[in-house]
């Protein structure tokens, strides 16, 4: 593979992940929950609401960036220990399912 192909592949990967993160349902649900449960309770006027919403968006984007950088650093570690990681996560999932019903 040439350098141009590698850069093109990396750009396409970044672009697709960026779009997925923009439309990340968890982020949208957290934003809607914050808006309804907290911001609307303490905001008296439109300006205060907009300020709190802007702060929420900025903090949300920072968390997404941190999560993205952490994911890129953890990717090598998780690839190295893929099978043990999957086994541990599967056992934790089974444990969680059993603990719900007991």
Protein backbone atom coordinates (compact mmCIF):
# COMPACT_ATOMS: atom_id res chain seq x y z
CA UNK A 1 0.00 0.00 0.00
CA UNK A 2 1.23 3.45 -0.78
CA UNK A 3 1.25 6.38 1.60
CA UNK A 4 -1.60 8.06 -0.30
CA UNK A 5 -3.81 4.97 0.08
CA UNK A 6 -3.03 4.78 3.80
CA UNK A 7 -3.88 8.45 4.27
CA UNK A 8 -7.09 8.06 2.26
CA UNK A 9 -8.10 5.04 4.32
CA UNK A 10 -7.34 6.85 7.58
CA UNK A 11 -9.32 9.89 6.43
CA UNK A 12 -12.32 7.75 5.47
CA UNK A 13 -12.14 5.95 8.80
CA UNK A 14 -11.96 9.23 10.72
CA UNK A 15 -14.84 10.65 8.69
CA UNK A 16 -17.10 7.67 9.33
CA UNK A 17 -16.31 7.57 13.05
CA UNK A 18 -16.83 11.33 13.31
CA UNK A 19 -20.28 11.03 11.73
CA UNK A 20 -21.18 8.12 13.98
CA UNK A 21 -20.19 10.13 17.05
CA UNK A 22 -22.21 13.15 15.95
CA UNK A 23 -25.32 11.00 15.73
CA UNK A 24 -24.46 8.97 18.83
CA UNK A 25 -27.78 8.22 20.51
CA UNK A 26 -26.24 8.02 23.98
CA UNK A 27 -24.96 11.57 23.65
CA UNK A 28 -28.30 12.82 22.39
CA UNK A 29 -30.20 11.06 25.18
CA UNK A 30 -27.87 12.47 27.82
CA UNK A 31 -28.29 15.96 26.37
CA UNK A 32 -32.09 15.65 26.33
CA UNK A 33 -32.08 14.30 29.89
CA UNK A 34 -29.87 17.13 31.11
CA UNK A 35 -32.05 19.65 29.37
CA UNK A 36 -35.32 18.34 30.79
CA UNK A 37 -34.22 17.31 34.25
CA UNK A 38 -31.70 19.96 35.20
CA UNK A 39 -31.35 22.91 32.85
CA UNK A 40 -35.05 23.73 32.56
CA UNK A 41 -35.38 23.52 36.36
CA UNK A 42 -32.75 26.17 37.09
CA UNK A 43 -32.91 28.40 34.02
CA UNK A 44 -35.20 31.38 34.46
CA UNK A 45 -34.91 32.95 31.04
CA UNK A 46 -33.86 32.15 27.49
CA UNK A 47 -30.32 33.53 27.84
CA UNK A 48 -29.57 31.36 30.87
CA UNK A 49 -30.99 28.32 29.08
CA UNK A 50 -28.80 28.96 26.03
CA UNK A 51 -25.70 29.43 28.21
CA UNK A 52 -26.31 26.16 30.07
CA UNK A 53 -27.03 24.35 26.81
CA UNK A 54 -23.78 25.67 25.30
CA UNK A 55 -21.83 24.52 28.35
CA UNK A 56 -23.48 21.10 28.08
CA UNK A 57 -22.58 20.80 24.40
CA UNK A 58 -18.96 21.83 25.04
CA UNK A 59 -18.58 19.36 27.91
CA UNK A 60 -20.21 16.63 25.82
CA UNK A 61 -17.81 17.22 22.92
CA UNK A 62 -14.85 17.18 25.31
CA UNK A 63 -15.98 13.82 26.69
CA UNK A 64 -16.35 12.47 23.15
CA UNK A 65 -12.84 13.64 22.29
CA UNK A 66 -11.42 12.08 25.45
CA UNK A 67 -13.30 8.85 24.71
CA UNK A 68 -11.96 8.85 21.14
CA UNK A 69 -8.36 9.39 22.22
CA UNK A 70 -8.67 6.78 24.97
CA UNK A 71 -10.12 4.36 22.43
CA UNK A 72 -7.22 4.89 20.06
CA UNK A 73 -4.73 4.24 22.86
CA UNK A 74 -6.62 1.24 24.21
CA UNK A 75 -7.10 -0.29 20.75
CA UNK A 76 -3.62 -1.82 20.69
CA UNK A 77 -4.01 -3.17 24.20
CA UNK A 78 -7.43 -4.65 23.45
CA UNK A 79 -6.19 -6.18 20.19
CA UNK A 80 -3.28 -7.77 22.04
CA UNK A 81 -5.54 -9.33 24.68
CA UNK A 82 -8.66 -9.79 22.55
CA UNK A 83 -9.64 -13.30 23.63
CA UNK A 84 -9.18 -12.81 27.40
CA UNK A 85 -10.99 -9.48 27.16
CA UNK A 86 -13.94 -11.08 25.36
CA UNK A 87 -14.09 -13.92 27.89
CA UNK A 88 -14.07 -11.54 30.87
CA UNK A 89 -16.69 -9.27 29.29
CA UNK A 90 -18.89 -12.28 28.43
CA UNK A 91 -18.67 -13.59 31.98
CA UNK A 92 -19.53 -10.15 33.37
CA UNK A 93 -22.52 -9.96 31.03
CA UNK A 94 -23.75 -13.39 32.16
CA UNK A 95 -23.20 -12.40 35.80
CA UNK A 96 -25.19 -9.20 35.27
CA UNK A 97 -28.04 -11.08 33.62
CA UNK A 98 -28.17 -13.63 36.44
CA UNK A 99 -28.03 -10.95 39.15
CA UNK A 100 -31.03 -9.19 37.60
CA UNK A 101 -33.20 -12.25 38.04
CA UNK A 102 -31.96 -13.25 41.51
